[in-house]
Amino acid sequence: MQSLVEAIREHGVILPGGILKVDGLVNHQLLPHITKSMGRQFAAHFRPLAPTKIVTIEVSGIAPAIVTAIELGVPMVYARKKRPITMHELAFHAQSVSRTKGGVVDLYISGEYLGPQDRVVVIDDFLASGGTLLALHSMIVQSGAALLGLGCVIEKSFEGGREKLAHLGVPIHTLANIVRMSELEGVVVESGR
């Protein structure tokens, strides 16, 4: 997705700890034309699998996930980072380490909205080490739903997350691939895979 690649080159900032700040186009501010294209690309890629739900995690995954769900005409469910008192008794739980949050994050999905009848595609903002996606997979397994595929806006391929997810046996589709990043070279990004 060339518009995304160009936006990352222009706006991506390398922070300490191997963090790529793309708040101006994915996380804090959204660029509607790019977000719309993301959802359309994911929908075109995953439509043949006939998903019944799109699953993501709050907050950064919601925008590309909702556009994907709209394009596919299916509901979107997002994992909450805090369990509200209104959440159904049956809830699926997992933990993930977040570099941007600086520690372990609890994730919850209500059993009201995900179950054995569902065929799920996960859409998220980043694929780096794979930890968040493994946590989402754990909750999908707990629910009895079937995981069909994983879609991520940006992959940091040098962190090996794709390899850590290979045992899931599902297709992984990304829109932009960070090949490497350093203070000296900046962000080296190419189209996803």
N, C-alpha and C. Protein backbone atom coordinates (compact mmCIF):
# COMPACT_ATOMS: atom_id res chain seq x y z
N MET A 1 0.84 -1.17 0.00
CA MET A 1 0.00 0.00 0.00
C MET A 1 0.89 1.23 0.00
N GLN A 2 1.09 1.78 -1.17
CA GLN A 2 2.09 2.83 -1.36
C GLN A 2 1.81 4.09 -0.55
N SER A 3 0.55 4.49 -0.42
CA SER A 3 0.25 5.71 0.36
C SER A 3 0.64 5.54 1.82
N LEU A 4 0.46 4.36 2.37
CA LEU A 4 0.87 4.08 3.75
C LEU A 4 2.39 4.09 3.88
N VAL A 5 3.06 3.43 2.94
CA VAL A 5 4.53 3.39 2.95
C VAL A 5 5.09 4.81 2.92
N GLU A 6 4.56 5.65 2.05
CA GLU A 6 5.03 7.02 1.93
C GLU A 6 4.75 7.82 3.21
N ALA A 7 3.57 7.60 3.81
CA ALA A 7 3.23 8.32 5.05
C ALA A 7 4.16 7.90 6.19
N ILE A 8 4.52 6.63 6.26
CA ILE A 8 5.46 6.17 7.29
C ILE A 8 6.83 6.80 7.08
N ARG A 9 7.28 6.84 5.84
CA ARG A 9 8.57 7.47 5.53
C ARG A 9 8.57 8.94 5.95
N GLU A 10 7.46 9.61 5.70
CA GLU A 10 7.38 11.04 5.98
C GLU A 10 7.18 11.35 7.46
N HIS A 11 6.33 10.55 8.14
CA HIS A 11 5.92 10.91 9.50
C HIS A 11 6.45 10.00 10.60
N GLY A 12 6.99 8.83 10.25
CA GLY A 12 7.46 7.89 11.27
C GLY A 12 8.67 8.43 12.03
N VAL A 13 8.64 8.27 13.34
CA VAL A 13 9.73 8.74 14.19
C VAL A 13 10.21 7.56 15.04
N ILE A 14 11.51 7.35 15.06
CA ILE A 14 12.10 6.28 15.87
C ILE A 14 12.30 6.80 17.29
N LEU A 15 11.76 6.05 18.25
CA LEU A 15 11.91 6.39 19.66
C LEU A 15 12.79 5.35 20.34
N PRO A 16 13.33 5.66 21.50
CA PRO A 16 14.12 4.66 22.23
C PRO A 16 13.32 3.39 22.50
N GLY A 17 14.02 2.27 22.58
CA GLY A 17 13.37 0.99 22.86
C GLY A 17 12.80 0.31 21.63
N GLY A 18 13.18 0.78 20.44
CA GLY A 18 12.71 0.14 19.22
C GLY A 18 11.27 0.46 18.87
N ILE A 19 10.76 1.58 19.37
CA ILE A 19 9.38 1.97 19.09
C ILE A 19 9.35 2.89 17.87
N LEU A 20 8.41 2.59 16.97
CA LEU A 20 8.18 3.45 15.81
C LEU A 20 6.92 4.26 16.09
N LYS A 21 7.07 5.56 16.22
CA LYS A 21 5.94 6.43 16.48
C LYS A 21 5.30 6.83 15.15
N VAL A 22 4.06 6.39 14.98
CA VAL A 22 3.28 6.74 13.79
C VAL A 22 1.93 7.31 14.24
N ASP A 23 1.96 8.04 15.35
CA ASP A 23 0.74 8.60 15.92
C ASP A 23 -0.04 9.47 14.95
N GLY A 24 0.63 10.09 14.02
CA GLY A 24 -0.02 11.01 13.10
C GLY A 24 -0.77 10.35 11.97
N LEU A 25 -0.71 9.01 11.88
CA LEU A 25 -1.45 8.34 10.81
C LEU A 25 -2.13 7.05 11.22
N VAL A 26 -1.81 6.50 12.37
CA VAL A 26 -2.44 5.24 12.78
C VAL A 26 -2.99 5.30 14.20
N ASN A 27 -2.24 5.85 15.14
CA ASN A 27 -2.58 5.69 16.54
C ASN A 27 -3.39 6.82 17.18
N HIS A 28 -2.97 8.05 17.01
CA HIS A 28 -3.60 9.16 17.72
C HIS A 28 -4.44 10.00 16.76
N GLN A 29 -3.87 10.26 15.60
CA GLN A 29 -4.58 10.94 14.52
C GLN A 29 -4.72 9.94 13.39
N LEU A 30 -5.86 9.98 12.72
CA LEU A 30 -6.07 9.10 11.57
C LEU A 30 -6.17 9.93 10.30
N LEU A 31 -5.63 9.39 9.23
CA LEU A 31 -5.77 10.00 7.92
C LEU A 31 -6.86 9.20 7.20
N PRO A 32 -8.08 9.75 7.09
CA PRO A 32 -9.21 8.96 6.60
C PRO A 32 -8.99 8.25 5.27
N HIS A 33 -8.35 8.91 4.31
CA HIS A 33 -8.15 8.26 3.01
C HIS A 33 -7.24 7.04 3.12
N ILE A 34 -6.24 7.10 4.00
CA ILE A 34 -5.35 5.95 4.19
C ILE A 34 -6.06 4.87 5.00
N THR A 35 -6.80 5.27 6.03
CA THR A 35 -7.53 4.30 6.85
C THR A 35 -8.55 3.55 6.01
N LYS A 36 -9.24 4.26 5.15
CA LYS A 36 -10.23 3.64 4.26
C LYS A 36 -9.56 2.64 3.33
N SER A 37 -8.42 3.01 2.79
CA SER A 37 -7.68 2.10 1.90
C SER A 37 -7.20 0.85 2.65
N MET A 38 -6.78 1.03 3.91
CA MET A 38 -6.36 -0.11 4.72
C MET A 38 -7.49 -1.13 4.82
N GLY A 39 -8.66 -0.66 5.23
CA GLY A 39 -9.80 -1.55 5.39
C GLY A 39 -10.18 -2.25 4.10
N ARG A 40 -10.15 -1.52 3.02
CA ARG A 40 -10.49 -2.13 1.72
C ARG A 40 -9.47 -3.21 1.33
N GLN A 41 -8.19 -2.93 1.58
CA GLN A 41 -7.15 -3.92 1.26
C GLN A 41 -7.33 -5.19 2.09
N PHE A 42 -7.55 -5.01 3.40
CA PHE A 42 -7.76 -6.18 4.27
C PHE A 42 -9.00 -6.96 3.84
N ALA A 43 -10.09 -6.24 3.56
CA ALA A 43 -11.33 -6.91 3.16
C ALA A 43 -11.14 -7.71 1.88
N ALA A 44 -10.47 -7.13 0.90
CA ALA A 44 -10.24 -7.84 -0.36
C ALA A 44 -9.40 -9.09 -0.14
N HIS A 45 -8.42 -8.98 0.75
CA HIS A 45 -7.54 -10.12 1.01
C HIS A 45 -8.26 -11.25 1.76
N PHE A 46 -9.07 -10.90 2.76
CA PHE A 46 -9.68 -11.92 3.62
C PHE A 46 -11.10 -12.32 3.22
N ARG A 47 -11.73 -11.62 2.29
CA ARG A 47 -13.11 -11.94 1.88
C ARG A 47 -13.28 -13.40 1.49
N PRO A 48 -12.36 -14.01 0.72
CA PRO A 48 -12.55 -15.41 0.33
C PRO A 48 -12.64 -16.38 1.51
N LEU A 49 -12.15 -15.99 2.68
CA LEU A 49 -12.20 -16.87 3.86
C LEU A 49 -13.57 -16.83 4.55
N ALA A 50 -14.44 -15.90 4.14
CA ALA A 50 -15.79 -15.75 4.67
C ALA A 50 -15.84 -15.58 6.19
N PRO A 51 -15.14 -14.58 6.72
CA PRO A 51 -15.20 -14.34 8.17
C PRO A 51 -16.59 -13.86 8.59
N THR A 52 -16.95 -14.17 9.83
CA THR A 52 -18.21 -13.66 10.40
C THR A 52 -17.96 -12.56 11.42
N LYS A 53 -16.71 -12.40 11.85
CA LYS A 53 -16.36 -11.34 12.80
C LYS A 53 -14.94 -10.86 12.53
N ILE A 54 -14.73 -9.58 12.79
CA ILE A 54 -13.40 -8.99 12.82
C ILE A 54 -13.09 -8.71 14.29
N VAL A 55 -11.92 -9.12 14.76
CA VAL A 55 -11.52 -8.90 16.15
C VAL A 55 -10.26 -8.04 16.16
N THR A 56 -10.21 -7.11 17.11
CA THR A 56 -9.04 -6.25 17.28
C THR A 56 -8.87 -5.93 18.75
N ILE A 57 -7.98 -5.02 19.04
CA ILE A 57 -7.73 -4.58 20.42
C ILE A 57 -7.86 -3.06 20.45
N GLU A 58 -8.41 -2.55 21.56
CA GLU A 58 -8.49 -1.08 21.66
C GLU A 58 -7.10 -0.51 21.87
N VAL A 59 -6.81 0.58 21.44
CA VAL A 59 -7.53 1.57 20.69
C VAL A 59 -7.04 1.57 19.23
N SER A 60 -5.78 1.37 19.02
CA SER A 60 -5.19 1.60 17.70
C SER A 60 -5.67 0.66 16.61
N GLY A 61 -6.14 -0.51 16.97
CA GLY A 61 -6.63 -1.44 15.96
C GLY A 61 -8.03 -1.15 15.49
N ILE A 62 -8.77 -0.32 16.23
CA ILE A 62 -10.19 -0.13 15.94
C ILE A 62 -10.44 0.48 14.55
N ALA A 63 -9.72 1.52 14.19
CA ALA A 63 -10.00 2.20 12.92
C ALA A 63 -9.83 1.26 11.70
N PRO A 64 -8.68 0.60 11.52
CA PRO A 64 -8.60 -0.28 10.35
C PRO A 64 -9.55 -1.47 10.46
N ALA A 65 -9.82 -1.93 11.68
CA ALA A 65 -10.71 -3.07 11.86
C ALA A 65 -12.16 -2.71 11.51
N ILE A 66 -12.63 -1.53 11.91
CA ILE A 66 -14.01 -1.16 11.61
C ILE A 66 -14.22 -0.96 10.12
N VAL A 67 -13.23 -0.37 9.45
CA VAL A 67 -13.38 -0.20 8.00
C VAL A 67 -13.39 -1.57 7.31
N THR A 68 -12.56 -2.49 7.79
CA THR A 68 -12.56 -3.85 7.24
C THR A 68 -13.92 -4.51 7.46
N ALA A 69 -14.47 -4.38 8.68
CA ALA A 69 -15.77 -4.97 9.00
C ALA A 69 -16.88 -4.36 8.14
N ILE A 70 -16.84 -3.05 7.94
CA ILE A 70 -17.83 -2.39 7.08
C ILE A 70 -17.75 -2.95 5.67
N GLU A 71 -16.54 -3.05 5.13
CA GLU A 71 -16.35 -3.56 3.77
C GLU A 71 -16.85 -5.00 3.63
N LEU A 72 -16.69 -5.80 4.71
CA LEU A 72 -17.13 -7.20 4.67
C LEU A 72 -18.57 -7.39 5.12
N GLY A 73 -19.16 -6.38 5.71
CA GLY A 73 -20.53 -6.47 6.19
C GLY A 73 -20.70 -7.39 7.39
N VAL A 74 -19.68 -7.39 8.29
CA VAL A 74 -19.72 -8.24 9.49
C VAL A 74 -19.46 -7.38 10.72
N PRO A 75 -19.83 -7.87 11.92
CA PRO A 75 -19.53 -7.12 13.15
C PRO A 75 -18.04 -7.10 13.47
N MET A 76 -17.66 -6.09 14.24
CA MET A 76 -16.30 -6.00 14.75
C MET A 76 -16.37 -6.05 16.28
N VAL A 77 -15.49 -6.82 16.88
CA VAL A 77 -15.39 -6.93 18.34
C VAL A 77 -13.98 -6.50 18.72
N TYR A 78 -13.88 -5.70 19.78
CA TYR A 78 -12.53 -5.35 20.22
C TYR A 78 -12.29 -5.77 21.65
N ALA A 79 -11.06 -6.20 21.89
CA ALA A 79 -10.63 -6.58 23.23
C ALA A 79 -10.46 -5.30 24.04
N ARG A 80 -11.01 -5.32 25.24
CA ARG A 80 -10.91 -4.18 26.16
C ARG A 80 -9.67 -4.35 27.02
N LYS A 81 -9.05 -3.23 27.41
CA LYS A 81 -7.86 -3.28 28.26
C LYS A 81 -8.21 -3.17 29.74
N LYS A 82 -9.46 -2.97 30.01
CA LYS A 82 -9.95 -2.96 31.39
C LYS A 82 -11.34 -3.55 31.36
N ARG A 83 -11.62 -4.44 32.29
CA ARG A 83 -12.94 -5.08 32.30
C ARG A 83 -13.97 -4.15 32.95
N PRO A 84 -14.96 -3.69 32.16
CA PRO A 84 -15.97 -2.82 32.74
C PRO A 84 -16.96 -3.64 33.58
N ILE A 85 -17.64 -2.99 34.50
CA ILE A 85 -18.60 -3.69 35.35
C ILE A 85 -19.80 -4.18 34.53
N THR A 86 -20.00 -3.63 33.36
CA THR A 86 -21.13 -4.04 32.51
C THR A 86 -20.84 -5.28 31.67
N MET A 87 -19.58 -5.76 31.69
CA MET A 87 -19.22 -6.90 30.85
C MET A 87 -19.89 -8.18 31.36
N HIS A 88 -20.39 -8.95 30.44
CA HIS A 88 -21.03 -10.24 30.71
C HIS A 88 -20.14 -11.10 31.60
N GLU A 89 -20.76 -11.91 32.45
CA GLU A 89 -19.98 -12.79 33.35
C GLU A 89 -18.99 -13.65 32.58
N LEU A 90 -19.45 -14.20 31.46
CA LEU A 90 -18.56 -15.02 30.64
C LEU A 90 -17.67 -14.07 29.83
N ALA A 91 -16.41 -14.01 30.19
CA ALA A 91 -15.46 -13.16 29.48
C ALA A 91 -14.16 -13.92 29.30
N PHE A 92 -13.54 -13.70 28.18
CA PHE A 92 -12.26 -14.33 27.86
C PHE A 92 -11.15 -13.35 28.21
N HIS A 93 -10.06 -13.87 28.77
CA HIS A 93 -9.00 -13.02 29.29
C HIS A 93 -7.64 -13.52 28.82
N ALA A 94 -6.76 -12.59 28.54
CA ALA A 94 -5.36 -12.90 28.22
C ALA A 94 -4.52 -11.69 28.61
N GLN A 95 -3.22 -11.90 28.66
CA GLN A 95 -2.30 -10.80 28.96
C GLN A 95 -1.29 -10.67 27.84
N SER A 96 -0.84 -9.44 27.65
CA SER A 96 0.16 -9.15 26.63
C SER A 96 1.11 -8.10 27.17
N VAL A 97 2.35 -8.17 26.76
CA VAL A 97 3.33 -7.14 27.13
C VAL A 97 3.27 -6.04 26.09
N SER A 98 3.14 -4.80 26.55
CA SER A 98 3.08 -3.65 25.66
C SER A 98 4.27 -2.74 25.91
N ARG A 99 5.07 -2.54 24.89
CA ARG A 99 6.20 -1.62 25.02
C ARG A 99 5.72 -0.18 25.16
N THR A 100 4.66 0.16 24.42
CA THR A 100 4.19 1.54 24.48
C THR A 100 3.46 1.84 25.79
N LYS A 101 2.91 0.83 26.43
CA LYS A 101 2.26 1.02 27.74
C LYS A 101 3.25 0.78 28.87
N GLY A 102 4.40 0.18 28.57
CA GLY A 102 5.44 -0.03 29.56
C GLY A 102 5.17 -1.15 30.53
N GLY A 103 4.52 -2.21 30.09
CA GLY A 103 4.29 -3.34 30.97
C GLY A 103 3.24 -4.29 30.45
N VAL A 104 2.74 -5.13 31.36
CA VAL A 104 1.74 -6.14 31.01
C VAL A 104 0.36 -5.49 30.96
N VAL A 105 -0.40 -5.85 29.92
CA VAL A 105 -1.74 -5.33 29.74
C VAL A 105 -2.72 -6.50 29.78
N ASP A 106 -3.78 -6.37 30.57
CA ASP A 106 -4.85 -7.36 30.59
C ASP A 106 -5.81 -7.05 29.45
N LEU A 107 -6.30 -8.11 28.79
CA LEU A 107 -7.24 -7.97 27.68
C LEU A 107 -8.48 -8.81 27.97
N TYR A 108 -9.64 -8.28 27.59
CA TYR A 108 -10.91 -8.98 27.84
C TYR A 108 -11.81 -8.88 26.62
N ILE A 109 -12.49 -9.98 26.31
CA ILE A 109 -13.55 -9.99 25.31
C ILE A 109 -14.75 -10.67 25.94
N SER A 110 -15.91 -10.06 25.80
CA SER A 110 -17.14 -10.60 26.37
C SER A 110 -17.60 -11.82 25.59
N GLY A 111 -18.03 -12.84 26.33
CA GLY A 111 -18.60 -14.04 25.73
C GLY A 111 -19.92 -13.78 25.01
N GLU A 112 -20.51 -12.61 25.21
CA GLU A 112 -21.73 -12.24 24.49
C GLU A 112 -21.46 -12.05 23.01
N TYR A 113 -20.24 -11.67 22.67
CA TYR A 113 -19.96 -11.24 21.30
C TYR A 113 -19.00 -12.11 20.52
N LEU A 114 -18.55 -13.21 21.13
CA LEU A 114 -17.63 -14.10 20.44
C LEU A 114 -17.87 -15.51 20.94
N GLY A 115 -18.08 -16.44 20.01
CA GLY A 115 -18.37 -17.81 20.42
C GLY A 115 -18.05 -18.82 19.33
N PRO A 116 -18.39 -20.08 19.56
CA PRO A 116 -18.03 -21.17 18.65
C PRO A 116 -18.58 -21.03 17.23
N GLN A 117 -19.61 -20.24 17.06
CA GLN A 117 -20.20 -20.05 15.73
C GLN A 117 -19.39 -19.07 14.87
N ASP A 118 -18.41 -18.40 15.45
CA ASP A 118 -17.71 -17.33 14.74
C ASP A 118 -16.45 -17.80 14.02
N ARG A 119 -16.26 -17.18 12.85
CA ARG A 119 -15.06 -17.36 12.02
C ARG A 119 -14.38 -16.00 11.99
N VAL A 120 -13.19 -15.92 12.58
CA VAL A 120 -12.59 -14.64 12.93
C VAL A 120 -11.35 -14.31 12.10
N VAL A 121 -11.28 -13.04 11.70
CA VAL A 121 -10.05 -12.45 11.19
C VAL A 121 -9.66 -11.36 12.18
N VAL A 122 -8.41 -11.37 12.60
CA VAL A 122 -7.88 -10.35 13.51
C VAL A 122 -7.22 -9.26 12.68
N ILE A 123 -7.54 -8.01 12.99
CA ILE A 123 -6.90 -6.85 12.37
C ILE A 123 -6.29 -6.03 13.50
N ASP A 124 -5.00 -5.70 13.38
CA ASP A 124 -4.34 -4.90 14.41
C ASP A 124 -3.41 -3.89 13.76
N ASP A 125 -2.88 -2.97 14.56
CA ASP A 125 -2.02 -1.93 14.00
C ASP A 125 -0.61 -2.43 13.72
N PHE A 126 0.00 -3.18 14.66
CA PHE A 126 1.40 -3.60 14.51
C PHE A 126 1.58 -5.10 14.66
N LEU A 127 2.48 -5.64 13.91
CA LEU A 127 3.03 -6.98 14.13
C LEU A 127 4.52 -6.76 14.38
N ALA A 128 4.93 -6.96 15.63
CA ALA A 128 6.35 -6.81 15.99
C ALA A 128 6.82 -8.15 16.55
N SER A 129 6.70 -8.34 17.84
CA SER A 129 7.14 -9.60 18.45
C SER A 129 6.04 -10.67 18.39
N GLY A 130 4.81 -10.27 18.12
CA GLY A 130 3.71 -11.23 18.02
C GLY A 130 2.94 -11.46 19.30
N GLY A 131 3.36 -10.85 20.41
CA GLY A 131 2.74 -11.11 21.70
C GLY A 131 1.27 -10.72 21.78
N THR A 132 0.92 -9.57 21.27
CA THR A 132 -0.48 -9.13 21.32
C THR A 132 -1.36 -10.05 20.48
N LEU A 133 -0.88 -10.43 19.32
CA LEU A 133 -1.66 -11.32 18.46
C LEU A 133 -1.83 -12.70 19.09
N LEU A 134 -0.80 -13.17 19.80
CA LEU A 134 -0.94 -14.46 20.50
C LEU A 134 -1.96 -14.34 21.63
N ALA A 135 -2.01 -13.19 22.31
CA ALA A 135 -3.01 -12.98 23.35
C ALA A 135 -4.42 -12.99 22.76
N LEU A 136 -4.60 -12.30 21.63
CA LEU A 136 -5.91 -12.32 20.97
C LEU A 136 -6.26 -13.73 20.53
N HIS A 137 -5.30 -14.46 20.00
CA HIS A 137 -5.54 -15.85 19.61
C HIS A 137 -5.99 -16.68 20.80
N SER A 138 -5.37 -16.47 21.95
CA SER A 138 -5.74 -17.20 23.16
C SER A 138 -7.21 -16.98 23.50
N MET A 139 -7.68 -15.74 23.40
CA MET A 139 -9.09 -15.46 23.71
C MET A 139 -10.02 -16.05 22.66
N ILE A 140 -9.59 -16.07 21.41
CA ILE A 140 -10.40 -16.69 20.36
C ILE A 140 -10.53 -18.18 20.62
N VAL A 141 -9.43 -18.83 21.02
CA VAL A 141 -9.46 -20.26 21.37
C VAL A 141 -10.40 -20.49 22.56
N GLN A 142 -10.29 -19.64 23.60
CA GLN A 142 -11.17 -19.77 24.76
C GLN A 142 -12.64 -19.70 24.37
N SER A 143 -12.96 -18.89 23.37
CA SER A 143 -14.34 -18.70 22.95
C SER A 143 -14.86 -19.87 22.11
N GLY A 144 -13.94 -20.65 21.55
CA GLY A 144 -14.34 -21.73 20.66
C GLY A 144 -14.46 -21.30 19.20
N ALA A 145 -14.22 -20.02 18.92
CA ALA A 145 -14.28 -19.51 17.55
C ALA A 145 -13.08 -20.02 16.75
N ALA A 146 -13.18 -19.89 15.44
CA ALA A 146 -12.10 -20.32 14.54
C ALA A 146 -11.34 -19.09 14.04
N LEU A 147 -10.02 -19.11 14.18
CA LEU A 147 -9.17 -18.05 13.64
C LEU A 147 -8.87 -18.37 12.19
N LEU A 148 -9.20 -17.42 11.29
CA LEU A 148 -8.98 -17.61 9.85
C LEU A 148 -7.74 -16.91 9.33
N GLY A 149 -7.38 -15.78 9.95
CA GLY A 149 -6.25 -15.01 9.44
C GLY A 149 -5.92 -13.83 10.32
N LEU A 150 -4.74 -13.26 10.09
CA LEU A 150 -4.23 -12.11 10.84
C LEU A 150 -3.85 -11.02 9.85
N GLY A 151 -4.33 -9.80 10.11
CA GLY A 151 -3.96 -8.66 9.29
C GLY A 151 -3.39 -7.57 10.16
N CYS A 152 -2.25 -7.02 9.77
CA CYS A 152 -1.62 -5.94 10.53
C CYS A 152 -1.25 -4.80 9.59
N VAL A 153 -1.48 -3.60 10.04
CA VAL A 153 -1.17 -2.44 9.23
C VAL A 153 0.33 -2.37 8.97
N ILE A 154 1.14 -2.47 10.04
CA ILE A 154 2.59 -2.33 9.92
C ILE A 154 3.27 -3.53 10.56
N GLU A 155 4.19 -4.14 9.84
CA GLU A 155 5.00 -5.23 10.37
C GLU A 155 6.43 -4.75 10.54
N LYS A 156 7.00 -5.06 11.70
CA LYS A 156 8.42 -4.83 11.91
C LYS A 156 9.08 -6.20 11.75
N SER A 157 9.37 -6.57 10.51
CA SER A 157 9.79 -7.94 10.21
C SER A 157 11.07 -8.35 10.93
N PHE A 158 11.91 -7.41 11.25
CA PHE A 158 13.18 -7.74 11.92
C PHE A 158 12.98 -8.18 13.37
N GLU A 159 11.75 -8.06 13.92
CA GLU A 159 11.50 -8.50 15.30
C GLU A 159 11.01 -9.95 15.38
N GLY A 160 10.76 -10.58 14.24
CA GLY A 160 10.46 -12.01 14.22
C GLY A 160 9.08 -12.45 14.63
N GLY A 161 8.13 -11.52 14.70
CA GLY A 161 6.77 -11.88 15.11
C GLY A 161 6.08 -12.86 14.17
N ARG A 162 6.27 -12.69 12.88
CA ARG A 162 5.64 -13.59 11.90
C ARG A 162 6.07 -15.03 12.16
N GLU A 163 7.33 -15.23 12.44
CA GLU A 163 7.84 -16.58 12.71
C GLU A 163 7.22 -17.16 13.99
N LYS A 164 7.02 -16.30 15.01
CA LYS A 164 6.42 -16.76 16.27
C LYS A 164 4.95 -17.11 16.12
N LEU A 165 4.32 -16.63 15.05
CA LEU A 165 2.91 -16.90 14.81
C LEU A 165 2.68 -18.02 13.79
N ALA A 166 3.75 -18.50 13.17
CA ALA A 166 3.64 -19.49 12.09
C ALA A 166 2.88 -20.74 12.53
N HIS A 167 3.06 -21.15 13.80
CA HIS A 167 2.41 -22.37 14.28
C HIS A 167 0.88 -22.28 14.29
N LEU A 168 0.34 -21.05 14.17
CA LEU A 168 -1.12 -20.89 14.14
C LEU A 168 -1.71 -21.41 12.83
N GLY A 169 -0.88 -21.49 11.80
CA GLY A 169 -1.33 -22.06 10.53
C GLY A 169 -2.36 -21.24 9.78
N VAL A 170 -2.33 -19.91 9.96
CA VAL A 170 -3.27 -19.04 9.25
C VAL A 170 -2.49 -18.01 8.44
N PRO A 171 -3.11 -17.47 7.38
CA PRO A 171 -2.41 -16.45 6.59
C PRO A 171 -2.22 -15.17 7.39
N ILE A 172 -1.08 -14.53 7.18
CA ILE A 172 -0.76 -13.26 7.81
C ILE A 172 -0.54 -12.25 6.69
N HIS A 173 -1.32 -11.17 6.73
CA HIS A 173 -1.24 -10.16 5.67
C HIS A 173 -0.92 -8.82 6.31
N THR A 174 0.13 -8.15 5.83
CA THR A 174 0.49 -6.82 6.33
C THR A 174 0.50 -5.83 5.17
N LEU A 175 0.32 -4.55 5.49
CA LEU A 175 0.23 -3.52 4.46
C LEU A 175 1.53 -2.76 4.26
N ALA A 176 2.37 -2.70 5.30
CA ALA A 176 3.68 -2.05 5.21
C ALA A 176 4.65 -2.86 6.06
N ASN A 177 5.87 -2.97 5.57
CA ASN A 177 6.89 -3.78 6.25
C ASN A 177 8.10 -2.91 6.58
N ILE A 178 8.37 -2.78 7.88
CA ILE A 178 9.57 -2.07 8.31
C ILE A 178 10.71 -3.08 8.27
N VAL A 179 11.61 -2.91 7.32
CA VAL A 179 12.73 -3.82 7.13
C VAL A 179 13.77 -3.61 8.22
N ARG A 180 14.05 -2.36 8.53
CA ARG A 180 14.95 -2.01 9.61
C ARG A 180 14.75 -0.54 9.93
N MET A 181 15.21 -0.17 11.11
CA MET A 181 15.14 1.23 11.50
C MET A 181 16.28 1.52 12.45
N SER A 182 16.90 2.67 12.24
CA SER A 182 18.01 3.08 13.09
C SER A 182 18.15 4.60 13.01
N GLU A 183 18.81 5.14 14.00
CA GLU A 183 19.06 6.59 14.02
C GLU A 183 19.82 7.01 12.75
N LEU A 184 20.74 6.17 12.31
CA LEU A 184 21.59 6.49 11.16
C LEU A 184 20.81 6.43 9.85
N GLU A 185 20.09 5.32 9.65
CA GLU A 185 19.37 5.11 8.37
C GLU A 185 17.96 5.66 8.36
N GLY A 186 17.38 5.84 9.53
CA GLY A 186 15.99 6.19 9.59
C GLY A 186 15.12 4.93 9.47
N VAL A 187 13.93 5.09 8.92
CA VAL A 187 13.00 3.98 8.76
C VAL A 187 13.09 3.47 7.34
N VAL A 188 13.44 2.19 7.19
CA VAL A 188 13.48 1.56 5.86
C VAL A 188 12.20 0.74 5.76
N VAL A 189 11.28 1.19 4.92
CA VAL A 189 9.95 0.59 4.82
C VAL A 189 9.64 0.23 3.37
N GLU A 190 8.90 -0.86 3.20
CA GLU A 190 8.48 -1.30 1.87
C GLU A 190 7.03 -1.79 1.98
N SER A 191 6.44 -2.13 0.86
CA SER A 191 5.08 -2.67 0.87
C SER A 191 5.02 -3.94 1.70
N GLY A 192 3.86 -4.21 2.26
CA GLY A 192 3.67 -5.37 3.11
C GLY A 192 3.73 -6.68 2.35
N ARG A 193 3.44 -7.74 3.11
CA ARG A 193 3.50 -9.08 2.51
C ARG A 193 2.40 -9.94 3.05
